[in-house]
Amino acid sequence: MAARADNVSRVDHDGVTLVEGATSDVRFAFTERAGGVSEDAYSSLNLGSHVGDDPFAVQENRRRALEAMGAAECEHNLLVPNQVHGDHIVAVTSNGADDLEDVREQIAEGCDAIVCTAHNVPVLLCFADCVPVVLVAPGGFAVVHSGWKGTIARISAKACQALCDAAGCDASDISAYIGPHILGDEYEVSQELMDRFAAEFSCIDASTSRMLNLSAAICEALVDVGVDADNIVDTQLSTVRQNDRFYSYRNEGGTCGRHAAIGVML
């Protein structure tokens, strides 16, 4: 039976606003930009440590985000990968200190999805237009960063298969949640890139426009590996139109903070 959150809702936790959901096993959230301590272009809940913000502010923001999710007690286990716009996936199966240290070494080298079947290990990936995807299974979850490179490489589908292997379930047991990103009517790309996507995904028509719908391609990739279309929830939240709630690299001229997708199994 699919691990499906009853709903995904926007909740304020003492100023930290999350678009969140939960199953019997997993809590997950897409953060918004309010409720943190960062200033200027990073205002205010910037969770990215690689964008020029004060590292102490980022650390406090991450603490606040985990506290809002009810996961403050496992902050010491937090995993934040070095995202490189690839399709490498790292699996976490233990919350032992030595095992997590090995994982940290792996993710520092670069990965764009983490599959986790260990309890009390929060996983946080950063975004500012690319597509965040959270996959939930009975007994595990994955957090995926899917920009155009990851999307055309079908990283969400690959993470789904890795999660099925780790959790011992079928793709039909997986629920997928697509978070805030630059939407299909906002994301103009080159004709060459549209042609590449059209060759890979039947849902992309390169003859009508150069507006690229990444979430449609992600949905197609997930369905192709066996995820039930009814178990895919696209929040349709726009980083561009709702730039007051989310960071947008394009809309803010390349200097901005990062919101996050976070998962944890408590």
C-alpha atoms as a PDB file:
ATOM      1  CA  MET A   1       0.000   0.000   0.000  1.00  0.00           C
ATOM      2  CA  ALA A   2       1.367   3.411  -0.946  1.00  0.00           C
ATOM      3  CA  ALA A   3       2.829   5.587   1.796  1.00  0.00           C
ATOM      4  CA  ARG A   4       0.619   8.575   1.083  1.00  0.00           C
ATOM      5  CA  ALA A   5       0.313  11.718   3.156  1.00  0.00           C
ATOM      6  CA  ASP A   6      -3.342  12.560   3.708  1.00  0.00           C
ATOM      7  CA  ASN A   7      -2.595  16.071   2.498  1.00  0.00           C
ATOM      8  CA  VAL A   8       0.166  18.599   2.085  1.00  0.00           C
ATOM      9  CA  SER A   9      -0.550  21.821   3.902  1.00  0.00           C
ATOM     10  CA  ARG A  10       1.035  25.192   4.603  1.00  0.00           C
ATOM     11  CA  VAL A  11       1.720  25.556   8.327  1.00  0.00           C
ATOM     12  CA  ASP A  12       3.328  28.355  10.348  1.00  0.00           C
ATOM     13  CA  HIS A  13       5.577  27.191  13.191  1.00  0.00           C
ATOM     14  CA  ASP A  14       6.452  30.301  15.218  1.00  0.00           C
ATOM     15  CA  GLY A  15       7.294  32.222  12.062  1.00  0.00           C
ATOM     16  CA  VAL A  16       8.881  29.349  10.137  1.00  0.00           C
ATOM     17  CA  THR A  17       6.462  28.478   7.357  1.00  0.00           C
ATOM     18  CA  LEU A  18       6.519  24.983   5.889  1.00  0.00           C
ATOM     19  CA  VAL A  19       4.580  23.273   3.133  1.00  0.00           C
ATOM     20  CA  GLU A  20       4.549  19.939   4.880  1.00  0.00           C
ATOM     21  CA  GLY A  21       3.190  16.433   4.932  1.00  0.00           C
ATOM     22  CA  ALA A  22       3.586  13.255   6.952  1.00  0.00           C
ATOM     23  CA  THR A  23       2.918   9.544   6.737  1.00  0.00           C
ATOM     24  CA  SER A  24       3.096   7.018   9.549  1.00  0.00           C
ATOM     25  CA  ASP A  25       6.842   6.715   8.855  1.00  0.00           C
ATOM     26  CA  VAL A  26       8.083   9.962   7.365  1.00  0.00           C
ATOM     27  CA  ARG A  27       7.833  13.704   7.858  1.00  0.00           C
ATOM     28  CA  PHE A  28       8.746  15.972   4.966  1.00  0.00           C
ATOM     29  CA  ALA A  29       8.547  19.650   4.154  1.00  0.00           C
ATOM     30  CA  PHE A  30       9.334  22.308   1.591  1.00  0.00           C
ATOM     31  CA  THR A  31      10.551  25.376   3.438  1.00  0.00           C
ATOM     32  CA  GLU A  32       9.618  28.967   2.659  1.00  0.00           C
ATOM     33  CA  ARG A  33      11.900  31.978   3.043  1.00  0.00           C
ATOM     34  CA  ALA A  34      10.322  33.490   6.174  1.00  0.00           C
ATOM     35  CA  GLY A  35      11.324  32.907   9.781  1.00  0.00           C
ATOM     36  CA  GLY A  36      15.108  32.963   9.635  1.00  0.00           C
ATOM     37  CA  VAL A  37      17.951  35.260  10.641  1.00  0.00           C
ATOM     38  CA  SER A  38      19.700  35.859   7.303  1.00  0.00           C
ATOM     39  CA  GLU A  39      19.748  39.394   5.910  1.00  0.00           C
ATOM     40  CA  ASP A  40      19.691  41.303   2.628  1.00  0.00           C
ATOM     41  CA  ALA A  41      19.496  39.074  -0.472  1.00  0.00           C
ATOM     42  CA  TYR A  42      19.381  35.985   1.736  1.00  0.00           C
ATOM     43  CA  SER A  43      16.446  37.129   3.819  1.00  0.00           C
ATOM     44  CA  SER A  44      15.532  35.306   5.809  1.00  0.00           C
ATOM     45  CA  LEU A  45      15.446  31.476   6.138  1.00  0.00           C
ATOM     46  CA  ASN A  46      18.311  30.789   3.760  1.00  0.00           C
ATOM     47  CA  LEU A  47      19.386  27.160   4.122  1.00  0.00           C
ATOM     48  CA  GLY A  48      22.187  27.150   1.550  1.00  0.00           C
ATOM     49  CA  SER A  49      25.766  27.318   2.828  1.00  0.00           C
ATOM     50  CA  HIS A  50      27.295  27.869  -0.621  1.00  0.00           C
ATOM     51  CA  VAL A  51      25.736  31.201  -1.637  1.00  0.00           C
ATOM     52  CA  GLY A  52      27.789  33.732   0.344  1.00  0.00           C
ATOM     53  CA  ASP A  53      25.615  34.021   3.432  1.00  0.00           C
ATOM     54  CA  ASP A  54      26.935  34.123   7.012  1.00  0.00           C
ATOM     55  CA  PRO A  55      27.553  30.445   7.933  1.00  0.00           C
ATOM     56  CA  PHE A  56      26.325  31.016  11.479  1.00  0.00           C
ATOM     57  CA  ALA A  57      23.043  32.381  10.127  1.00  0.00           C
ATOM     58  CA  VAL A  58      22.670  29.325   7.892  1.00  0.00           C
ATOM     59  CA  GLN A  59      23.318  27.005  10.827  1.00  0.00           C
ATOM     60  CA  GLU A  60      20.661  28.766  12.916  1.00  0.00           C
ATOM     61  CA  ASN A  61      18.208  28.678  10.016  1.00  0.00           C
ATOM     62  CA  ARG A  62      18.705  24.940   9.603  1.00  0.00           C
ATOM     63  CA  ARG A  63      18.160  24.462  13.317  1.00  0.00           C
ATOM     64  CA  ARG A  64      14.903  26.421  13.104  1.00  0.00           C
ATOM     65  CA  ALA A  65      13.691  24.428  10.103  1.00  0.00           C
ATOM     66  CA  LEU A  66      14.342  21.107  11.856  1.00  0.00           C
ATOM     67  CA  GLU A  67      12.719  22.379  15.041  1.00  0.00           C
ATOM     68  CA  ALA A  68       9.617  23.328  13.042  1.00  0.00           C
ATOM     69  CA  MET A  69       9.490  19.754  11.736  1.00  0.00           C
ATOM     70  CA  GLY A  70       9.828  18.261  15.217  1.00  0.00           C
ATOM     71  CA  ALA A  71      13.294  16.952  14.410  1.00  0.00           C
ATOM     72  CA  ALA A  72      15.492  19.246  16.509  1.00  0.00           C
ATOM     73  CA  GLU A  73      16.821  16.348  18.567  1.00  0.00           C
ATOM     74  CA  CYS A  74      18.500  14.771  15.540  1.00  0.00           C
ATOM     75  CA  GLU A  75      20.120  17.916  14.128  1.00  0.00           C
ATOM     76  CA  HIS A  76      23.546  16.327  14.714  1.00  0.00           C
ATOM     77  CA  ASN A  77      22.671  13.690  12.076  1.00  0.00           C
ATOM     78  CA  LEU A  78      21.680  16.223   9.398  1.00  0.00           C
ATOM     79  CA  LEU A  79      22.861  15.385   5.874  1.00  0.00           C
ATOM     80  CA  VAL A  80      23.274  18.144   3.272  1.00  0.00           C
ATOM     81  CA  PRO A  81      24.941  17.016   0.033  1.00  0.00           C
ATOM     82  CA  ASN A  82      27.108  18.962  -2.371  1.00  0.00           C
ATOM     83  CA  GLN A  83      24.641  19.232  -5.261  1.00  0.00           C
ATOM     84  CA  VAL A  84      26.267  19.035  -8.688  1.00  0.00           C
ATOM     85  CA  HIS A  85      23.332  18.760 -11.143  1.00  0.00           C
ATOM     86  CA  GLY A  86      24.051  15.101 -11.821  1.00  0.00           C
ATOM     87  CA  ASP A  87      22.150  11.864 -11.226  1.00  0.00           C
ATOM     88  CA  HIS A  88      24.283  10.287  -8.492  1.00  0.00           C
ATOM     89  CA  ILE A  89      22.283   8.861  -5.580  1.00  0.00           C
ATOM     90  CA  VAL A  90      23.579   7.979  -2.120  1.00  0.00           C
ATOM     91  CA  ALA A  91      21.730   5.570   0.195  1.00  0.00           C
ATOM     92  CA  VAL A  92      21.652   5.881   3.982  1.00  0.00           C
ATOM     93  CA  THR A  93      20.760   2.704   5.873  1.00  0.00           C
ATOM     94  CA  SER A  94      22.134   3.382   9.368  1.00  0.00           C
ATOM     95  CA  ASN A  95      22.236   6.272  11.826  1.00  0.00           C
ATOM     96  CA  GLY A  96      25.464   5.052  13.416  1.00  0.00           C
ATOM     97  CA  ALA A  97      28.091   7.776  13.768  1.00  0.00           C
ATOM     98  CA  ASP A  98      30.721   5.946  11.707  1.00  0.00           C
ATOM     99  CA  ASP A  99      28.219   5.072   8.995  1.00  0.00           C
ATOM    100  CA  LEU A 100      27.021   8.679   8.764  1.00  0.00           C
ATOM    101  CA  GLU A 101      30.611   9.891   8.532  1.00  0.00           C
ATOM    102  CA  ASP A 102      31.116   7.596   5.542  1.00  0.00           C
ATOM    103  CA  VAL A 103      27.955   9.003   3.971  1.00  0.00           C
ATOM    104  CA  ARG A 104      29.121  12.585   4.553  1.00  0.00           C
ATOM    105  CA  GLU A 105      32.337  11.817   2.700  1.00  0.00           C
ATOM    106  CA  GLN A 106      30.338  10.429  -0.224  1.00  0.00           C
ATOM    107  CA  ILE A 107      27.884  13.318  -0.454  1.00  0.00           C
ATOM    108  CA  ALA A 108      30.677  15.895  -0.168  1.00  0.00           C
ATOM    109  CA  GLU A 109      31.990  14.579  -3.476  1.00  0.00           C
ATOM    110  CA  GLY A 110      28.658  15.380  -5.091  1.00  0.00           C
ATOM    111  CA  CYS A 111      25.213  13.866  -5.273  1.00  0.00           C
ATOM    112  CA  ASP A 112      21.725  15.085  -6.109  1.00  0.00           C
ATOM    113  CA  ALA A 113      19.538  12.564  -4.315  1.00  0.00           C
ATOM    114  CA  ILE A 114      19.684  10.832  -0.967  1.00  0.00           C
ATOM    115  CA  VAL A 115      17.670   7.696  -0.206  1.00  0.00           C
ATOM    116  CA  CYS A 116      17.201   7.094   3.517  1.00  0.00           C
ATOM    117  CA  THR A 117      15.845   4.105   5.433  1.00  0.00           C
ATOM    118  CA  ALA A 118      17.467   5.095   8.742  1.00  0.00           C
ATOM    119  CA  HIS A 119      15.578   6.712  11.598  1.00  0.00           C
ATOM    120  CA  ASN A 120      16.515  10.129  13.003  1.00  0.00           C
ATOM    121  CA  VAL A 121      18.575  11.186   9.986  1.00  0.00           C
ATOM    122  CA  PRO A 122      17.264  14.435   8.472  1.00  0.00           C
ATOM    123  CA  VAL A 123      18.088  14.959   4.802  1.00  0.00           C
ATOM    124  CA  LEU A 124      18.138  18.516   3.396  1.00  0.00           C
ATOM    125  CA  LEU A 125      18.634  19.568  -0.226  1.00  0.00           C
ATOM    126  CA  CYS A 126      18.643  23.195  -1.436  1.00  0.00           C
ATOM    127  CA  PHE A 127      16.733  24.899  -4.269  1.00  0.00           C
ATOM    128  CA  ALA A 128      16.087  28.248  -5.929  1.00  0.00           C
ATOM    129  CA  ASP A 129      14.174  27.316  -9.155  1.00  0.00           C
ATOM    130  CA  CYS A 130      15.155  23.654  -9.721  1.00  0.00           C
ATOM    131  CA  VAL A 131      12.574  21.045  -8.843  1.00  0.00           C
ATOM    132  CA  PRO A 132      12.518  19.464  -5.376  1.00  0.00           C
ATOM    133  CA  VAL A 133      11.041  15.973  -5.274  1.00  0.00           C
ATOM    134  CA  VAL A 134      10.313  13.977  -2.129  1.00  0.00           C
ATOM    135  CA  LEU A 135       9.587  10.271  -2.533  1.00  0.00           C
ATOM    136  CA  VAL A 136       7.948   8.418   0.341  1.00  0.00           C
ATOM    137  CA  ALA A 137       7.788   4.652   0.848  1.00  0.00           C
ATOM    138  CA  PRO A 138       6.719   2.443   3.727  1.00  0.00           C
ATOM    139  CA  GLY A 139       9.953   2.491   5.722  1.00  0.00           C
ATOM    140  CA  GLY A 140      11.938   5.099   3.844  1.00  0.00           C
ATOM    141  CA  PHE A 141      12.121   8.251   1.752  1.00  0.00           C
ATOM    142  CA  ALA A 142      14.236  10.078  -0.795  1.00  0.00           C
ATOM    143  CA  VAL A 143      14.920  13.762  -1.379  1.00  0.00           C
ATOM    144  CA  VAL A 144      15.834  14.648  -4.960  1.00  0.00           C
ATOM    145  CA  HIS A 145      17.260  17.743  -6.678  1.00  0.00           C
ATOM    146  CA  SER A 146      16.033  17.791 -10.279  1.00  0.00           C
ATOM    147  CA  GLY A 147      17.192  20.695 -12.419  1.00  0.00           C
ATOM    148  CA  TRP A 148      17.044  20.288 -16.164  1.00  0.00           C
ATOM    149  CA  LYS A 149      20.158  18.088 -16.187  1.00  0.00           C
ATOM    150  CA  GLY A 150      18.799  15.813 -13.476  1.00  0.00           C
ATOM    151  CA  THR A 151      15.369  15.761 -15.077  1.00  0.00           C
ATOM    152  CA  ILE A 152      16.594  14.679 -18.508  1.00  0.00           C
ATOM    153  CA  ALA A 153      18.723  12.037 -16.736  1.00  0.00           C
ATOM    154  CA  ARG A 154      15.547  10.830 -14.955  1.00  0.00           C
ATOM    155  CA  ILE A 155      17.069  11.193 -11.503  1.00  0.00           C
ATOM    156  CA  SER A 156      13.691  11.012  -9.752  1.00  0.00           C
ATOM    157  CA  ALA A 157      12.919   7.685 -11.407  1.00  0.00           C
ATOM    158  CA  LYS A 158      16.378   6.373 -10.525  1.00  0.00           C
ATOM    159  CA  ALA A 159      15.900   7.499  -6.927  1.00  0.00           C
ATOM    160  CA  CYS A 160      12.520   5.763  -6.897  1.00  0.00           C
ATOM    161  CA  GLN A 161      14.122   2.491  -7.957  1.00  0.00           C
ATOM    162  CA  ALA A 162      16.880   2.921  -5.352  1.00  0.00           C
ATOM    163  CA  LEU A 163      14.259   3.610  -2.671  1.00  0.00           C
ATOM    164  CA  CYS A 164      12.315   0.501  -3.669  1.00  0.00           C
ATOM    165  CA  ASP A 165      15.490  -1.579  -3.376  1.00  0.00           C
ATOM    166  CA  ALA A 166      16.359  -0.076   0.012  1.00  0.00           C
ATOM    167  CA  ALA A 167      12.866  -0.274   1.508  1.00  0.00           C
ATOM    168  CA  GLY A 168      11.916  -3.604  -0.071  1.00  0.00           C
ATOM    169  CA  CYS A 169       8.816  -2.276  -1.803  1.00  0.00           C
ATOM    170  CA  ASP A 170       7.404  -1.763  -5.279  1.00  0.00           C
ATOM    171  CA  ALA A 171       7.152   1.489  -7.221  1.00  0.00           C
ATOM    172  CA  SER A 172       3.384   1.269  -6.800  1.00  0.00           C
ATOM    173  CA  ASP A 173       4.010   1.738  -3.055  1.00  0.00           C
ATOM    174  CA  ILE A 174       5.763   5.079  -3.626  1.00  0.00           C
ATOM    175  CA  SER A 175       4.178   8.508  -3.304  1.00  0.00           C
ATOM    176  CA  ALA A 176       5.908  11.509  -4.863  1.00  0.00           C
ATOM    177  CA  TYR A 177       5.659  15.162  -3.895  1.00  0.00           C
ATOM    178  CA  ILE A 178       6.888  17.900  -6.236  1.00  0.00           C
ATOM    179  CA  GLY A 179       7.734  21.155  -4.480  1.00  0.00           C
ATOM    180  CA  PRO A 180       8.127  24.817  -5.497  1.00  0.00           C
ATOM    181  CA  HIS A 181      10.054  25.423  -8.702  1.00  0.00           C
ATOM    182  CA  ILE A 182      10.095  27.498 -11.873  1.00  0.00           C
ATOM    183  CA  LEU A 183       6.930  26.383 -13.654  1.00  0.00           C
ATOM    184  CA  GLY A 184       6.493  25.358 -17.253  1.00  0.00           C
ATOM    185  CA  ASP A 185       5.050  28.684 -18.389  1.00  0.00           C
ATOM    186  CA  GLU A 186       7.962  30.594 -16.771  1.00  0.00           C
ATOM    187  CA  TYR A 187      10.982  28.613 -17.926  1.00  0.00           C
ATOM    188  CA  GLU A 188      12.150  29.514 -21.427  1.00  0.00           C
ATOM    189  CA  VAL A 189      15.090  27.501 -22.742  1.00  0.00           C
ATOM    190  CA  SER A 190      16.926  27.073 -26.022  1.00  0.00           C
ATOM    191  CA  GLN A 191      15.372  25.250 -28.948  1.00  0.00           C
ATOM    192  CA  GLU A 192      18.233  22.751 -28.780  1.00  0.00           C
ATOM    193  CA  LEU A 193      17.350  21.867 -25.183  1.00  0.00           C
ATOM    194  CA  MET A 194      13.644  21.622 -26.012  1.00  0.00           C
ATOM    195  CA  ASP A 195      14.491  19.210 -28.822  1.00  0.00           C
ATOM    196  CA  ARG A 196      16.543  17.074 -26.438  1.00  0.00           C
ATOM    197  CA  PHE A 197      13.666  16.901 -23.967  1.00  0.00           C
ATOM    198  CA  ALA A 198      11.138  16.137 -26.698  1.00  0.00           C
ATOM    199  CA  ALA A 199      13.290  13.208 -27.810  1.00  0.00           C
ATOM    200  CA  GLU A 200      13.274  11.828 -24.246  1.00  0.00           C
ATOM    201  CA  PHE A 201       9.737  12.616 -23.025  1.00  0.00           C
ATOM    202  CA  SER A 202       6.464  12.244 -24.896  1.00  0.00           C
ATOM    203  CA  CYS A 203       4.871  15.023 -22.830  1.00  0.00           C
ATOM    204  CA  ILE A 204       7.274  17.648 -24.219  1.00  0.00           C
ATOM    205  CA  ASP A 205       6.379  19.264 -27.544  1.00  0.00           C
ATOM    206  CA  ALA A 206       9.309  21.249 -28.909  1.00  0.00           C
ATOM    207  CA  SER A 207       7.363  22.483 -31.935  1.00  0.00           C
ATOM    208  CA  THR A 208       4.988  24.808 -30.114  1.00  0.00           C
ATOM    209  CA  SER A 209       7.192  26.854 -27.771  1.00  0.00           C
ATOM    210  CA  ARG A 210      10.472  26.957 -25.877  1.00  0.00           C
ATOM    211  CA  MET A 211       8.799  26.840 -22.462  1.00  0.00           C
ATOM    212  CA  LEU A 212      10.009  23.739 -20.613  1.00  0.00           C
ATOM    213  CA  ASN A 213       7.754  21.966 -18.112  1.00  0.00           C
ATOM    214  CA  LEU A 214      10.158  20.077 -15.876  1.00  0.00           C
ATOM    215  CA  SER A 215       7.501  18.695 -13.530  1.00  0.00           C
ATOM    216  CA  ALA A 216       5.624  17.110 -16.447  1.00  0.00           C
ATOM    217  CA  ALA A 217       8.816  15.309 -17.490  1.00  0.00           C
ATOM    218  CA  ILE A 218       9.443  14.203 -13.900  1.00  0.00           C
ATOM    219  CA  CYS A 219       5.909  12.816 -13.635  1.00  0.00           C
ATOM    220  CA  GLU A 220       6.342  10.908 -16.898  1.00  0.00           C
ATOM    221  CA  ALA A 221       9.637   9.430 -15.705  1.00  0.00           C
ATOM    222  CA  LEU A 222       8.096   8.319 -12.401  1.00  0.00           C
ATOM    223  CA  VAL A 223       5.076   6.742 -14.094  1.00  0.00           C
ATOM    224  CA  ASP A 224       7.403   4.946 -16.518  1.00  0.00           C
ATOM    225  CA  VAL A 225       9.047   3.110 -13.586  1.00  0.00           C
ATOM    226  CA  GLY A 226       5.732   2.126 -12.023  1.00  0.00           C
ATOM    227  CA  VAL A 227       4.628   4.976  -9.766  1.00  0.00           C
ATOM    228  CA  ASP A 228       0.846   5.399  -9.842  1.00  0.00           C
ATOM    229  CA  ALA A 229      -0.010   8.775 -11.372  1.00  0.00           C
ATOM    230  CA  ASP A 230      -2.583   9.240  -8.608  1.00  0.00           C
ATOM    231  CA  ASN A 231       0.258   9.021  -6.070  1.00  0.00           C
ATOM    232  CA  ILE A 232       2.112  12.008  -7.538  1.00  0.00           C
ATOM    233  CA  VAL A 233       1.287  15.332  -5.887  1.00  0.00           C
ATOM    234  CA  ASP A 234       2.505  18.457  -7.690  1.00  0.00           C
ATOM    235  CA  THR A 235       2.124  21.486  -5.426  1.00  0.00           C
ATOM    236  CA  GLN A 236       2.307  23.803  -8.486  1.00  0.00           C
ATOM    237  CA  LEU A 237       4.040  26.404  -6.319  1.00  0.00           C
ATOM    238  CA  SER A 238       6.025  28.923  -8.359  1.00  0.00           C
ATOM    239  CA  THR A 239       9.387  30.260  -7.266  1.00  0.00           C
ATOM    240  CA  VAL A 240       9.000  33.072  -9.806  1.00  0.00           C
ATOM    241  CA  ARG A 241       5.426  34.231  -9.211  1.00  0.00           C
ATOM    242  CA  GLN A 242       5.687  33.592  -5.480  1.00  0.00           C
ATOM    243  CA  ASN A 243       9.158  35.058  -5.044  1.00  0.00           C
ATOM    244  CA  ASP A 244       8.007  36.557  -1.734  1.00  0.00           C
ATOM    245  CA  ARG A 245       7.655  32.997  -0.400  1.00  0.00           C
ATOM    246  CA  PHE A 246      10.489  31.211  -2.197  1.00  0.00           C
ATOM    247  CA  TYR A 247      13.914  32.049  -3.588  1.00  0.00           C
ATOM    248  CA  SER A 248      14.354  32.323  -7.361  1.00  0.00           C
ATOM    249  CA  TYR A 249      17.803  32.370  -8.934  1.00  0.00           C
ATOM    250  CA  ARG A 250      16.413  33.685 -12.219  1.00  0.00           C
ATOM    251  CA  ASN A 251      14.069  36.245 -10.733  1.00  0.00           C
ATOM    252  CA  GLU A 252      16.661  37.599  -8.275  1.00  0.00           C
ATOM    253  CA  GLY A 253      19.537  37.941 -10.713  1.00  0.00           C
ATOM    254  CA  GLY A 254      21.606  35.045  -9.419  1.00  0.00           C
ATOM    255  CA  THR A 255      22.162  36.303  -5.860  1.00  0.00           C
ATOM    256  CA  CYS A 256      19.703  34.826  -3.389  1.00  0.00           C
ATOM    257  CA  GLY A 257      19.246  32.286  -0.648  1.00  0.00           C
ATOM    258  CA  ARG A 258      17.992  28.738  -0.941  1.00  0.00           C
ATOM    259  CA  HIS A 259      14.856  27.095   0.371  1.00  0.00           C
ATOM    260  CA  ALA A 260      14.902  23.365   0.970  1.00  0.00           C
ATOM    261  CA  ALA A 261      13.184  20.033   0.762  1.00  0.00           C
ATOM    262  CA  ILE A 262      13.684  18.099   3.979  1.00  0.00           C
ATOM    263  CA  GLY A 263      12.764  14.555   4.919  1.00  0.00           C
ATOM    264  CA  VAL A 264      13.185  12.617   8.147  1.00  0.00           C
ATOM    265  CA  MET A 265      11.965   9.328   9.565  1.00  0.00           C
ATOM    266  CA  LEU A 266      11.444   9.660  13.328  1.00  0.00           C
END
